[in-house]
C-alpha atoms as a PDB file:
ATOM      1  CA  MET A   1      82.321   9.461  -7.994  1.00  0.00           C
ATOM      2  CA  SER A   2      84.998  10.776 -10.199  1.00  0.00           C
ATOM      3  CA  LYS A   3      85.367  14.619 -10.249  1.00  0.00           C
ATOM      4  CA  LYS A   4      84.647  14.534 -13.941  1.00  0.00           C
ATOM      5  CA  LEU A   5      81.376  12.621 -13.515  1.00  0.00           C
ATOM      6  CA  HIS A   6      80.451  14.992 -10.767  1.00  0.00           C
ATOM      7  CA  LYS A   7      81.049  17.756 -13.037  1.00  0.00           C
ATOM      8  CA  THR A   8      78.842  16.321 -15.788  1.00  0.00           C
ATOM      9  CA  HIS A   9      75.961  16.135 -13.325  1.00  0.00           C
ATOM     10  CA  ASP A  10      76.312  19.708 -12.341  1.00  0.00           C
ATOM     11  CA  SER A  11      76.627  21.053 -15.936  1.00  0.00           C
ATOM     12  CA  PHE A  12      73.510  19.214 -16.852  1.00  0.00           C
ATOM     13  CA  VAL A  13      71.301  20.206 -13.965  1.00  0.00           C
ATOM     14  CA  LYS A  14      72.618  23.740 -14.513  1.00  0.00           C
ATOM     15  CA  GLU A  15      71.304  23.747 -18.110  1.00  0.00           C
ATOM     16  CA  LEU A  16      68.229  21.966 -17.230  1.00  0.00           C
ATOM     17  CA  LEU A  17      67.191  24.728 -14.691  1.00  0.00           C
ATOM     18  CA  SER A  18      68.276  27.565 -17.112  1.00  0.00           C
ATOM     19  CA  TYR A  19      64.843  26.740 -18.736  1.00  0.00           C
ATOM     20  CA  LYS A  20      62.458  28.877 -16.809  1.00  0.00           C
ATOM     21  CA  GLU A  21      59.626  26.458 -17.292  1.00  0.00           C
ATOM     22  CA  SER A  22      61.701  23.619 -15.787  1.00  0.00           C
ATOM     23  CA  ALA A  23      63.111  25.674 -12.941  1.00  0.00           C
ATOM     24  CA  VAL A  24      59.273  26.699 -12.098  1.00  0.00           C
ATOM     25  CA  GLU A  25      58.076  22.831 -12.342  1.00  0.00           C
ATOM     26  CA  PHE A  26      61.021  22.063 -10.030  1.00  0.00           C
ATOM     27  CA  ILE A  27      60.421  24.522  -7.436  1.00  0.00           C
ATOM     28  CA  LYS A  28      56.532  23.525  -7.430  1.00  0.00           C
ATOM     29  CA  HIS A  29      57.598  19.934  -6.530  1.00  0.00           C
ATOM     30  CA  ALA A  30      60.591  20.855  -4.156  1.00  0.00           C
ATOM     31  CA  VAL A  31      58.971  23.845  -2.059  1.00  0.00           C
ATOM     32  CA  PRO A  32      55.872  23.151   0.013  1.00  0.00           C
ATOM     33  CA  PRO A  33      52.537  24.364  -1.669  1.00  0.00           C
ATOM     34  CA  GLU A  34      51.777  26.554   0.966  1.00  0.00           C
ATOM     35  CA  ILE A  35      54.803  28.436   0.138  1.00  0.00           C
ATOM     36  CA  HIS A  36      55.168  28.215  -3.655  1.00  0.00           C
ATOM     37  CA  GLN A  37      51.614  28.966  -4.218  1.00  0.00           C
ATOM     38  CA  LYS A  38      52.292  32.671  -3.033  1.00  0.00           C
ATOM     39  CA  PHE A  39      55.031  33.065  -5.738  1.00  0.00           C
ATOM     40  CA  ASP A  40      54.515  35.057  -8.614  1.00  0.00           C
ATOM     41  CA  PHE A  41      56.339  32.928 -11.267  1.00  0.00           C
ATOM     42  CA  ASP A  42      55.667  35.178 -14.231  1.00  0.00           C
ATOM     43  CA  ASN A  43      58.199  37.552 -12.858  1.00  0.00           C
ATOM     44  CA  ILE A  44      60.786  35.120 -12.173  1.00  0.00           C
ATOM     45  CA  THR A  45      64.528  36.204 -12.641  1.00  0.00           C
ATOM     46  CA  TYR A  46      67.918  34.565 -12.306  1.00  0.00           C
ATOM     47  CA  LEU A  47      70.756  35.893 -10.276  1.00  0.00           C
ATOM     48  CA  PRO A  48      73.666  33.706 -11.787  1.00  0.00           C
ATOM     49  CA  GLY A  49      76.893  33.721  -9.641  1.00  0.00           C
ATOM     50  CA  THR A  50      75.518  35.714  -6.644  1.00  0.00           C
ATOM     51  CA  TYR A  51      76.036  33.773  -3.507  1.00  0.00           C
ATOM     52  CA  THR A  52      79.092  31.747  -4.203  1.00  0.00           C
ATOM     53  CA  THR A  53      82.672  32.278  -3.374  1.00  0.00           C
ATOM     54  CA  LYS A  54      85.469  31.814  -6.123  1.00  0.00           C
ATOM     55  CA  GLU A  55      86.816  28.840  -3.958  1.00  0.00           C
ATOM     56  CA  LEU A  56      83.610  26.923  -4.242  1.00  0.00           C
ATOM     57  CA  ASN A  57      82.345  28.140  -7.527  1.00  0.00           C
ATOM     58  CA  GLU A  58      84.103  25.189  -9.465  1.00  0.00           C
ATOM     59  CA  TYR A  59      82.067  22.418  -7.639  1.00  0.00           C
ATOM     60  CA  ILE A  60      78.644  23.753  -7.691  1.00  0.00           C
ATOM     61  CA  SER A  61      75.729  24.946  -9.998  1.00  0.00           C
ATOM     62  CA  ASP A  62      74.993  28.095  -8.087  1.00  0.00           C
ATOM     63  CA  ILE A  63      71.395  28.451  -9.252  1.00  0.00           C
ATOM     64  CA  VAL A  64      69.497  31.279  -7.627  1.00  0.00           C
ATOM     65  CA  LEU A  65      66.134  32.567  -8.695  1.00  0.00           C
ATOM     66  CA  LYS A  66      64.520  35.767  -7.394  1.00  0.00           C
ATOM     67  CA  ILE A  67      60.625  35.552  -7.270  1.00  0.00           C
ATOM     68  CA  PRO A  68      58.154  38.213  -6.265  1.00  0.00           C
ATOM     69  CA  VAL A  69      55.351  37.248  -3.649  1.00  0.00           C
ATOM     70  CA  ASP A  70      51.920  37.635  -4.882  1.00  0.00           C
ATOM     71  CA  GLY A  71      49.762  40.112  -3.129  1.00  0.00           C
ATOM     72  CA  THR A  72      52.701  42.509  -2.004  1.00  0.00           C
ATOM     73  CA  ALA A  73      52.754  44.563  -5.124  1.00  0.00           C
ATOM     74  CA  GLY A  74      56.360  43.633  -5.516  1.00  0.00           C
ATOM     75  CA  ASP A  75      57.625  44.866  -2.439  1.00  0.00           C
ATOM     76  CA  VAL A  76      58.588  41.221  -1.029  1.00  0.00           C
ATOM     77  CA  THR A  77      60.693  38.915  -2.961  1.00  0.00           C
ATOM     78  CA  VAL A  78      62.414  35.557  -2.117  1.00  0.00           C
ATOM     79  CA  SER A  79      65.551  34.033  -3.550  1.00  0.00           C
ATOM     80  CA  ILE A  80      65.616  30.395  -4.183  1.00  0.00           C
ATOM     81  CA  LEU A  81      69.052  28.841  -3.776  1.00  0.00           C
ATOM     82  CA  ILE A  82      69.182  25.612  -5.537  1.00  0.00           C
ATOM     83  CA  GLU A  83      72.342  23.431  -4.490  1.00  0.00           C
ATOM     84  CA  HIS A  84      72.789  20.345  -6.615  1.00  0.00           C
ATOM     85  CA  LYS A  85      74.287  17.360  -4.817  1.00  0.00           C
ATOM     86  CA  SER A  86      75.080  13.884  -6.924  1.00  0.00           C
ATOM     87  CA  ARG A  87      76.556  12.448  -3.610  1.00  0.00           C
ATOM     88  CA  ILE A  88      75.763  12.463  -0.115  1.00  0.00           C
ATOM     89  CA  ASP A  89      77.321  15.285   1.922  1.00  0.00           C
ATOM     90  CA  HIS A  90      76.574  15.690   5.598  1.00  0.00           C
ATOM     91  CA  PHE A  91      78.243  18.947   5.724  1.00  0.00           C
ATOM     92  CA  THR A  92      76.034  20.659   3.094  1.00  0.00           C
ATOM     93  CA  CYS A  93      74.383  22.701   5.787  1.00  0.00           C
ATOM     94  CA  LEU A  94      77.724  24.416   6.314  1.00  0.00           C
ATOM     95  CA  GLN A  95      77.902  25.245   2.652  1.00  0.00           C
ATOM     96  CA  LEU A  96      74.417  26.612   2.437  1.00  0.00           C
ATOM     97  CA  LEU A  97      74.825  28.578   5.460  1.00  0.00           C
ATOM     98  CA  THR A  98      78.033  30.397   3.833  1.00  0.00           C
ATOM     99  CA  TYR A  99      75.889  30.978   0.668  1.00  0.00           C
ATOM    100  CA  MET A 100      72.944  32.452   2.593  1.00  0.00           C
ATOM    101  CA  VAL A 101      75.294  34.811   4.431  1.00  0.00           C
ATOM    102  CA  ASN A 102      76.943  35.589   1.031  1.00  0.00           C
ATOM    103  CA  GLY A 103      73.566  36.347  -0.337  1.00  0.00           C
ATOM    104  CA  TYR A 104      72.306  38.564   2.461  1.00  0.00           C
ATOM    105  CA  GLU A 105      75.685  40.474   2.482  1.00  0.00           C
ATOM    106  CA  GLN A 106      75.183  40.943  -1.175  1.00  0.00           C
ATOM    107  CA  GLN A 107      71.792  42.347  -0.797  1.00  0.00           C
ATOM    108  CA  ARG A 108      73.211  44.968   1.854  1.00  0.00           C
ATOM    109  CA  LYS A 109      75.937  46.113  -0.149  1.00  0.00           C
ATOM    110  CA  GLN A 110      73.634  46.613  -3.103  1.00  0.00           C
ATOM    111  CA  LYS A 111      71.405  48.619  -0.701  1.00  0.00           C
ATOM    112  CA  GLU A 112      68.382  46.235  -1.724  1.00  0.00           C
ATOM    113  CA  LYS A 113      65.619  45.376   0.688  1.00  0.00           C
ATOM    114  CA  LEU A 114      66.316  42.093   2.200  1.00  0.00           C
ATOM    115  CA  SER A 115      65.046  38.982   0.227  1.00  0.00           C
ATOM    116  CA  ILE A 116      64.339  35.864   2.294  1.00  0.00           C
ATOM    117  CA  ILE A 117      66.675  33.271   0.996  1.00  0.00           C
ATOM    118  CA  ILE A 118      65.147  29.674   0.580  1.00  0.00           C
ATOM    119  CA  PRO A 119      67.650  26.739   0.153  1.00  0.00           C
ATOM    120  CA  VAL A 120      66.734  23.752  -1.796  1.00  0.00           C
ATOM    121  CA  ILE A 121      68.819  20.641  -2.062  1.00  0.00           C
ATOM    122  CA  TYR A 122      68.468  18.799  -5.262  1.00  0.00           C
ATOM    123  CA  TYR A 123      69.778  15.204  -4.670  1.00  0.00           C
ATOM    124  CA  HIS A 124      70.113  12.161  -6.879  1.00  0.00           C
ATOM    125  CA  GLY A 125      72.989  10.451  -5.786  1.00  0.00           C
ATOM    126  CA  LYS A 126      73.424   6.946  -4.768  1.00  0.00           C
ATOM    127  CA  GLY A 127      71.758   5.696  -1.523  1.00  0.00           C
ATOM    128  CA  ARG A 128      69.184   7.418   0.852  1.00  0.00           C
ATOM    129  CA  TRP A 129      70.210  10.597   2.342  1.00  0.00           C
ATOM    130  CA  LYS A 130      68.670  11.950   5.794  1.00  0.00           C
ATOM    131  CA  TYR A 131      69.766  15.718   5.627  1.00  0.00           C
ATOM    132  CA  ARG A 132      71.254  16.898   9.056  1.00  0.00           C
ATOM    133  CA  PRO A 133      71.011  20.194  10.310  1.00  0.00           C
ATOM    134  CA  LEU A 134      74.010  21.963  11.833  1.00  0.00           C
ATOM    135  CA  LYS A 135      73.238  21.144  15.318  1.00  0.00           C
ATOM    136  CA  GLU A 136      73.134  17.215  14.459  1.00  0.00           C
ATOM    137  CA  LEU A 137      76.627  17.393  13.535  1.00  0.00           C
ATOM    138  CA  PHE A 138      77.853  18.202  17.035  1.00  0.00           C
ATOM    139  CA  GLN A 139      78.720  14.886  18.935  1.00  0.00           C
ATOM    140  CA  LYS A 140      77.745  16.586  22.272  1.00  0.00           C
ATOM    141  CA  ILE A 141      76.035  19.788  23.038  1.00  0.00           C
ATOM    142  CA  PRO A 142      76.145  20.908  26.645  1.00  0.00           C
ATOM    143  CA  GLU A 143      72.923  22.085  28.180  1.00  0.00           C
ATOM    144  CA  GLY A 144      71.892  25.670  27.220  1.00  0.00           C
ATOM    145  CA  PHE A 145      74.592  25.967  24.389  1.00  0.00           C
ATOM    146  CA  GLU A 146      72.240  24.940  21.475  1.00  0.00           C
ATOM    147  CA  GLN A 147      70.915  28.520  21.380  1.00  0.00           C
ATOM    148  CA  TYR A 148      74.410  29.521  19.924  1.00  0.00           C
ATOM    149  CA  ILE A 149      74.294  27.215  16.978  1.00  0.00           C
ATOM    150  CA  PRO A 150      72.446  28.570  13.657  1.00  0.00           C
ATOM    151  CA  SER A 151      69.280  27.055  12.643  1.00  0.00           C
ATOM    152  CA  PHE A 152      67.631  27.414   9.344  1.00  0.00           C
ATOM    153  CA  SER A 153      65.053  25.364   7.241  1.00  0.00           C
ATOM    154  CA  ILE A 154      65.893  23.856   3.881  1.00  0.00           C
ATOM    155  CA  ASP A 155      63.550  21.945   1.250  1.00  0.00           C
ATOM    156  CA  PHE A 156      65.044  18.778   0.291  1.00  0.00           C
ATOM    157  CA  PHE A 157      64.346  17.305  -3.089  1.00  0.00           C
ATOM    158  CA  ASP A 158      65.278  13.649  -3.353  1.00  0.00           C
ATOM    159  CA  VAL A 159      64.835  11.939  -6.691  1.00  0.00           C
ATOM    160  CA  HIS A 160      64.894   8.566  -4.861  1.00  0.00           C
ATOM    161  CA  ARG A 161      61.626   9.142  -3.021  1.00  0.00           C
ATOM    162  CA  LEU A 162      59.831  10.002  -6.351  1.00  0.00           C
ATOM    163  CA  SER A 163      57.814   7.193  -8.061  1.00  0.00           C
ATOM    164  CA  ILE A 164      57.848   6.636 -11.701  1.00  0.00           C
ATOM    165  CA  HIS A 165      54.183   7.623 -11.861  1.00  0.00           C
ATOM    166  CA  GLN A 166      54.927  10.886  -9.852  1.00  0.00           C
ATOM    167  CA  ILE A 167      57.584  11.838 -12.414  1.00  0.00           C
ATOM    168  CA  TYR A 168      55.355  11.124 -15.240  1.00  0.00           C
ATOM    169  CA  GLY A 169      52.729  13.329 -13.853  1.00  0.00           C
ATOM    170  CA  MET A 170      55.027  16.378 -13.932  1.00  0.00           C
ATOM    171  CA  ALA A 171      54.015  18.887 -16.570  1.00  0.00           C
ATOM    172  CA  GLU A 172      57.287  19.968 -17.786  1.00  0.00           C
ATOM    173  CA  ALA A 173      58.890  17.420 -20.397  1.00  0.00           C
ATOM    174  CA  LYS A 174      62.511  18.304 -19.962  1.00  0.00           C
ATOM    175  CA  LEU A 175      62.315  17.933 -16.265  1.00  0.00           C
ATOM    176  CA  ARG A 176      60.638  14.565 -16.656  1.00  0.00           C
ATOM    177  CA  ALA A 177      63.423  13.485 -19.081  1.00  0.00           C
ATOM    178  CA  ALA A 178      66.138  14.330 -16.433  1.00  0.00           C
ATOM    179  CA  LEU A 179      64.666  12.862 -13.516  1.00  0.00           C
ATOM    180  CA  ILE A 180      63.941   9.742 -15.271  1.00  0.00           C
ATOM    181  CA  ALA A 181      67.688   9.512 -16.174  1.00  0.00           C
ATOM    182  CA  GLN A 182      68.784  10.290 -12.737  1.00  0.00           C
ATOM    183  CA  LYS A 183      66.390   7.857 -11.002  1.00  0.00           C
ATOM    184  CA  SER A 184      67.395   4.949 -13.274  1.00  0.00           C
ATOM    185  CA  LEU A 185      71.009   5.621 -12.834  1.00  0.00           C
ATOM    186  CA  HIS A 186      71.467   3.865  -9.484  1.00  0.00           C
ATOM    187  CA  ASP A 187      68.306   1.669  -8.812  1.00  0.00           C
ATOM    188  CA  HIS A 188      67.455   0.397 -12.508  1.00  0.00           C
ATOM    189  CA  LEU A 189      63.777   0.926 -12.222  1.00  0.00           C
ATOM    190  CA  VAL A 190      63.449   2.237 -15.603  1.00  0.00           C
ATOM    191  CA  ALA A 191      63.498   0.110 -18.855  1.00  0.00           C
ATOM    192  CA  LYS A 192      64.896   1.244 -22.120  1.00  0.00           C
ATOM    193  CA  LYS A 193      61.425   1.941 -23.695  1.00  0.00           C
ATOM    194  CA  ASP A 194      60.784   4.519 -20.915  1.00  0.00           C
ATOM    195  CA  PHE A 195      63.719   6.746 -22.253  1.00  0.00           C
ATOM    196  CA  VAL A 196      62.274   6.459 -25.596  1.00  0.00           C
ATOM    197  CA  GLN A 197      58.902   7.505 -24.296  1.00  0.00           C
ATOM    198  CA  VAL A 198      60.206  10.663 -22.428  1.00  0.00           C
ATOM    199  CA  ILE A 199      62.510  11.681 -25.248  1.00  0.00           C
ATOM    200  CA  ASN A 200      59.822  11.285 -27.938  1.00  0.00           C
ATOM    201  CA  ALA A 201      57.636  13.588 -25.592  1.00  0.00           C
ATOM    202  CA  LEU A 202      59.927  16.255 -26.110  1.00  0.00           C
ATOM    203  CA  GLU A 203      58.980  18.968 -28.628  1.00  0.00           C
ATOM    204  CA  PRO A 204      61.727  18.586 -31.366  1.00  0.00           C
ATOM    205  CA  SER A 205      61.315  22.044 -32.607  1.00  0.00           C
ATOM    206  CA  ILE A 206      61.815  23.679 -29.074  1.00  0.00           C
ATOM    207  CA  PHE A 207      64.113  21.315 -27.422  1.00  0.00           C
ATOM    208  CA  GLY A 208      66.676  20.366 -29.950  1.00  0.00           C
ATOM    209  CA  ASN A 209      69.521  21.663 -27.957  1.00  0.00           C
ATOM    210  CA  PHE A 210      68.418  20.291 -24.717  1.00  0.00           C
ATOM    211  CA  LEU A 211      67.607  16.932 -26.689  1.00  0.00           C
ATOM    212  CA  HIS A 212      71.578  16.906 -27.716  1.00  0.00           C
ATOM    213  CA  SER A 213      72.657  17.753 -24.004  1.00  0.00           C
ATOM    214  CA  TYR A 214      70.356  14.863 -22.752  1.00  0.00           C
ATOM    215  CA  PHE A 215      72.035  12.388 -25.062  1.00  0.00           C
ATOM    216  CA  VAL A 216      75.409  13.623 -24.050  1.00  0.00           C
ATOM    217  CA  TYR A 217      74.417  13.263 -20.272  1.00  0.00           C
ATOM    218  CA  LEU A 218      73.405   9.769 -20.840  1.00  0.00           C
ATOM    219  CA  SER A 219      76.355   8.716 -22.710  1.00  0.00           C
ATOM    220  CA  ASN A 220      78.598   9.882 -19.569  1.00  0.00           C
ATOM    221  CA  LEU A 221      76.501   7.893 -16.988  1.00  0.00           C
ATOM    222  CA  ALA A 222      77.963   4.509 -16.179  1.00  0.00           C
ATOM    223  CA  LYS A 223      75.512   2.216 -17.506  1.00  0.00           C
ATOM    224  CA  PHE A 224      74.557   4.073 -20.643  1.00  0.00           C
ATOM    225  CA  ASP A 225      77.239   3.135 -23.026  1.00  0.00           C
ATOM    226  CA  GLN A 226      77.420   3.451 -26.995  1.00  0.00           C
ATOM    227  CA  ASP A 227      75.372   0.347 -27.605  1.00  0.00           C
ATOM    228  CA  TYR A 228      72.591   1.539 -25.223  1.00  0.00           C
ATOM    229  CA  ILE A 229      72.651   4.999 -26.973  1.00  0.00           C
ATOM    230  CA  ILE A 230      72.111   3.482 -30.257  1.00  0.00           C
ATOM    231  CA  ASP A 231      69.391   1.386 -29.278  1.00  0.00           C
ATOM    232  CA  ILE A 232      67.564   4.223 -27.888  1.00  0.00           C
ATOM    233  CA  THR A 233      68.258   6.515 -30.933  1.00  0.00           C
ATOM    234  CA  ASN A 234      67.115   3.849 -33.460  1.00  0.00           C
ATOM    235  CA  GLN A 235      63.476   3.842 -31.654  1.00  0.00           C
ATOM    236  CA  LEU A 236      62.929   7.593 -31.897  1.00  0.00           C
ATOM    237  CA  THR A 237      60.442   9.312 -33.850  1.00  0.00           C
ATOM    238  CA  THR A 238      61.779  10.716 -37.434  1.00  0.00           C
ATOM    239  CA  ASP A 239      61.640  14.292 -36.072  1.00  0.00           C
ATOM    240  CA  MET A 240      63.346  13.378 -32.753  1.00  0.00           C
ATOM    241  CA  LYS A 241      65.989  11.224 -34.741  1.00  0.00           C
ATOM    242  CA  THR A 242      66.885  14.061 -36.973  1.00  0.00           C
ATOM    243  CA  LYS A 243      67.272  16.409 -34.083  1.00  0.00           C
ATOM    244  CA  SER A 244      69.717  13.975 -32.501  1.00  0.00           C
ATOM    245  CA  MET A 245      71.906  13.703 -35.450  1.00  0.00           C
ATOM    246  CA  THR A 246      74.445  16.235 -33.895  1.00  0.00           C
ATOM    247  CA  PHE A 247      74.960  13.537 -31.127  1.00  0.00           C
ATOM    248  CA  ILE A 248      75.002  10.693 -33.683  1.00  0.00           C
ATOM    249  CA  ASP A 249      77.567  12.392 -35.294  1.00  0.00           C
ATOM    250  CA  GLN A 250      79.875  11.744 -32.276  1.00  0.00           C
ATOM    251  CA  PHE A 251      79.342   8.067 -32.962  1.00  0.00           C
ATOM    252  CA  ARG A 252      80.653   8.475 -36.447  1.00  0.00           C
ATOM    253  CA  ALA A 253      83.763  10.365 -35.292  1.00  0.00           C
ATOM    254  CA  GLU A 254      84.120   7.297 -32.718  1.00  0.00           C
ATOM    255  CA  GLY A 255      83.751   4.876 -35.447  1.00  0.00           C
ATOM    256  CA  ARG A 256      86.298   6.543 -37.475  1.00  0.00           C
ATOM    257  CA  GLN A 257      88.798   6.480 -34.469  1.00  0.00           C
ATOM    258  CA  GLU A 258      88.152   2.875 -34.123  1.00  0.00           C
ATOM    259  CA  GLY A 259      91.456   2.724 -36.398  1.00  0.00           C
ATOM    260  CA  SER A 260      91.338  -0.538 -38.532  1.00  0.00           C
ATOM    261  CA  LEU A 261      89.152  -1.794 -41.082  1.00  0.00           C
ATOM    262  CA  GLN A 262      88.377  -4.728 -38.617  1.00  0.00           C
ATOM    263  CA  SER A 263      87.262  -2.757 -35.723  1.00  0.00           C
ATOM    264  CA  ARG A 264      84.861  -0.639 -38.256  1.00  0.00           C
ATOM    265  CA  TYR A 265      83.399  -3.944 -39.139  1.00  0.00           C
ATOM    266  CA  GLU A 266      83.040  -4.920 -35.724  1.00  0.00           C
ATOM    267  CA  PHE A 267      81.190  -1.600 -34.980  1.00  0.00           C
ATOM    268  CA  ALA A 268      78.919  -2.089 -38.075  1.00  0.00           C
ATOM    269  CA  ARG A 269      77.944  -5.819 -36.803  1.00  0.00           C
ATOM    270  CA  LYS A 270      76.797  -4.215 -33.630  1.00  0.00           C
ATOM    271  CA  LEU A 271      74.606  -1.777 -35.428  1.00  0.00           C
ATOM    272  CA  LEU A 272      73.197  -4.446 -37.719  1.00  0.00           C
ATOM    273  CA  LEU A 273      72.341  -6.653 -34.599  1.00  0.00           C
ATOM    274  CA  ARG A 274      70.254  -3.628 -33.353  1.00  0.00           C
ATOM    275  CA  ASN A 275      68.528  -3.303 -36.799  1.00  0.00           C
ATOM    276  CA  MET A 276      70.039   0.105 -37.593  1.00  0.00           C
ATOM    277  CA  PRO A 277      69.270   1.179 -41.277  1.00  0.00           C
ATOM    278  CA  LEU A 278      71.992   0.297 -43.813  1.00  0.00           C
ATOM    279  CA  GLU A 279      72.098   4.172 -44.690  1.00  0.00           C
ATOM    280  CA  ASP A 280      72.680   5.296 -40.974  1.00  0.00           C
ATOM    281  CA  ILE A 281      75.516   2.312 -40.685  1.00  0.00           C
ATOM    282  CA  TYR A 282      77.037   3.632 -43.754  1.00  0.00           C
ATOM    283  CA  GLU A 283      77.258   7.105 -42.567  1.00  0.00           C
ATOM    284  CA  LEU A 284      78.311   6.057 -38.948  1.00  0.00           C
ATOM    285  CA  THR A 285      81.291   3.663 -39.716  1.00  0.00           C
ATOM    286  CA  ASP A 286      82.954   4.931 -43.128  1.00  0.00           C
ATOM    287  CA  LEU A 287      82.563   1.767 -44.720  1.00  0.00           C
ATOM    288  CA  SER A 288      81.206   1.748 -48.361  1.00  0.00           C
ATOM    289  CA  MET A 289      77.544   0.932 -48.997  1.00  0.00           C
ATOM    290  CA  GLU A 290      78.496  -2.102 -50.760  1.00  0.00           C
ATOM    291  CA  GLU A 291      80.581  -3.253 -47.634  1.00  0.00           C
ATOM    292  CA  VAL A 292      77.656  -2.663 -45.404  1.00  0.00           C
ATOM    293  CA  LYS A 293      75.231  -4.644 -47.592  1.00  0.00           C
ATOM    294  CA  LYS A 294      77.816  -7.667 -48.037  1.00  0.00           C
ATOM    295  CA  LEU A 295      78.138  -7.745 -44.326  1.00  0.00           C
ATOM    296  CA  ALA A 296      74.236  -7.703 -43.789  1.00  0.00           C
ATOM    297  CA  ALA A 297      73.994 -10.692 -46.154  1.00  0.00           C
ATOM    298  CA  ASP A 298      76.700 -12.460 -44.573  1.00  0.00           C
ATOM    299  CA  MET A 299      75.095 -12.015 -41.164  1.00  0.00           C
ATOM    300  CA  ALA A 300      71.743 -12.930 -42.497  1.00  0.00           C
END
């Protein structure tokens, strides 16, 4: 995976989990019920940039959320450290250990009561990943020496292990949309109609910014090329299509950059084959309406 695509995944996941409702829904599916049922989600707060180092900050989302524990009058809190991975990394345990040490050190410096740090791995890369704790990275451990190796639990959220029905059963629409995209990226289980369904399920009056980010994310994934996005866009409800016009404007710019009149005609033909309205083709290609109508008539 290229560094550019890796950053694309990181940026999208960071934005997704910046919505509290998405973060809460994610935690409820990533952390065991016997633990998250004790959380006071109404008082969740973000601790951005808290546990990472300058050297590693470029490569990770660094999502940390602080949550009070019910029944403790706010005296006990936990910090949920979400480490996003779009590819398998067997040394993630070392990374998490570094963040946890930094986290506890920050709490000490700020003279806070220690807050338990729960590390969560959010993984949607290609292939199955069996997480390996630190002790399993050693080729051989002499008898009696294992006690010196740090040991801690993590919660592993693997998109591969979710069925489509499980994803559709999630209450939060933005998280559903994100997981559908990430699951289909590698195993091709989701048809185009599923993307149209999850996008139309988003509330346009609230999630317009996320919708644009979602389209940008899809366009940066290997199999979601321009034709694919156009097909999806053309099947959206009127409200959702209106909200996505900023993204469609990018296609307009792309059409202009095609350079020659011939290339604009080729772009228009693709749109006509996908039954795009003539008015939209006129806007996207910089052809005149007369040219678009003549091209449509010739193709018919």
